[in-house]
Protein backbone atom coordinates (compact mmCIF):
# COMPACT_ATOMS: atom_id res chain seq x y z
CA MET A 1 98.13 2.29 102.43
CA HIS A 2 100.47 2.58 105.37
CA MET A 3 102.00 -0.25 107.28
CA ASP A 4 101.35 -0.31 111.19
CA GLY A 5 101.75 3.46 111.69
CA LYS A 6 105.34 3.33 110.28
CA GLN A 7 106.86 5.81 107.89
CA ASN A 8 106.32 3.51 104.88
CA GLY A 9 103.43 2.80 102.60
CA VAL A 10 102.18 2.34 98.97
CA PRO A 11 100.50 5.50 97.65
CA THR A 12 99.00 5.75 94.20
CA VAL A 13 100.99 8.06 92.05
CA HIS A 14 99.16 7.72 88.72
CA ILE A 15 95.67 6.52 87.62
CA GLU A 16 94.24 6.19 84.08
CA ALA A 17 90.66 4.92 83.55
CA ASP A 18 88.60 4.18 80.50
CA PHE A 19 84.92 3.50 80.74
CA MET A 20 83.78 1.41 77.69
CA ALA A 21 80.07 1.01 78.52
CA PRO A 22 77.69 2.36 81.23
CA SER A 23 76.76 0.37 84.23
CA ARG A 24 73.36 0.70 85.96
CA LEU A 25 72.09 0.30 89.43
CA GLY A 26 71.74 -3.46 90.02
CA ASP A 27 74.26 -4.60 87.32
CA LYS A 28 76.61 -7.35 88.55
CA VAL A 29 80.02 -6.16 87.48
CA THR A 30 82.95 -8.48 88.23
CA PHE A 31 86.28 -6.72 88.93
CA THR A 32 89.65 -8.21 88.40
CA LEU A 33 93.04 -6.87 89.60
CA VAL A 34 96.25 -8.03 87.80
CA LEU A 35 99.85 -7.01 88.52
CA ARG A 36 101.25 -5.97 85.05
CA LYS A 37 104.71 -4.57 85.92
CA LEU A 38 107.00 -4.59 88.92
CA GLY A 39 109.85 -2.17 89.04
CA GLY A 40 112.49 -1.27 91.67
CA SER A 41 110.13 0.87 93.71
CA SER A 42 106.96 0.87 91.64
CA ALA A 43 104.19 -1.51 90.51
CA VAL A 44 101.56 -1.16 87.80
CA VAL A 45 98.22 -2.87 88.39
CA GLU A 46 95.34 -3.15 85.97
CA ILE A 47 91.73 -3.26 87.14
CA THR A 48 89.00 -4.45 84.77
CA GLY A 49 85.26 -4.47 85.27
CA ARG A 50 83.09 -6.80 83.18
CA MET A 51 79.41 -7.64 83.02
CA GLY A 52 79.47 -11.18 81.55
CA ASP A 53 81.71 -10.86 78.41
CA GLU A 54 81.31 -7.05 78.09
CA LEU A 55 84.25 -4.97 79.21
CA ARG A 56 82.83 -1.95 81.15
CA LEU A 57 86.00 -0.44 82.68
CA ARG A 58 89.78 -0.67 82.48
CA ALA A 59 91.90 1.28 84.90
CA THR A 60 95.70 1.34 85.28
CA LEU A 61 97.25 2.40 88.55
CA THR A 62 100.92 3.05 89.45
CA LEU A 63 101.78 2.40 93.01
CA VAL A 64 105.08 3.25 94.70
CA TRP A 65 106.70 1.90 97.78
CA ILE A 66 107.78 4.78 100.06
CA ASP A 67 109.89 5.00 103.22
CA THR A 68 110.02 8.28 105.11
CA MET A 69 108.01 9.93 102.24
CA LYS A 70 110.56 8.97 99.61
CA ALA A 71 110.36 6.25 96.88
CA THR A 72 112.63 3.43 97.66
CA ARG A 73 113.12 -0.22 96.56
CA TRP A 74 110.54 -2.81 97.56
CA PRO A 75 111.57 -4.76 100.61
CA ASP A 76 112.86 -8.18 99.41
CA ALA A 77 110.13 -10.30 101.01
CA LEU A 78 107.39 -8.04 99.70
CA ARG A 79 108.85 -7.85 96.30
CA ALA A 80 109.08 -11.71 96.11
CA ARG A 81 105.44 -12.03 97.08
CA LEU A 82 104.42 -9.47 94.40
CA ALA A 83 106.61 -11.03 91.77
CA ALA A 84 104.84 -14.32 92.21
CA HIS A 85 101.57 -12.64 90.88
CA LEU A 86 103.14 -10.81 87.93
CA GLU A 87 101.21 -11.14 84.68
CA GLU A 88 102.91 -8.96 82.12
CA THR A 89 100.91 -7.64 79.16
CA PRO A 90 101.59 -9.85 76.04
């Protein structure tokens, strides 16, 4: 993701995924995204996919705020908006 053609953005720097059960064409899988960790320049999000109560997929992604192709601190306004959605793992 890049912002308005500027030199900043939020690339994904790490992905882990576990597939617990297969999904088939026509299955209605519900996906949820949760912010699990917010660092100085990074954020960890977790994506889960469920079919009813059955967990089918769990993926963890690490995103980093960059400016001029270097990791840097989140802008204060963006960090505040992200922090409002933080749900740390118990």
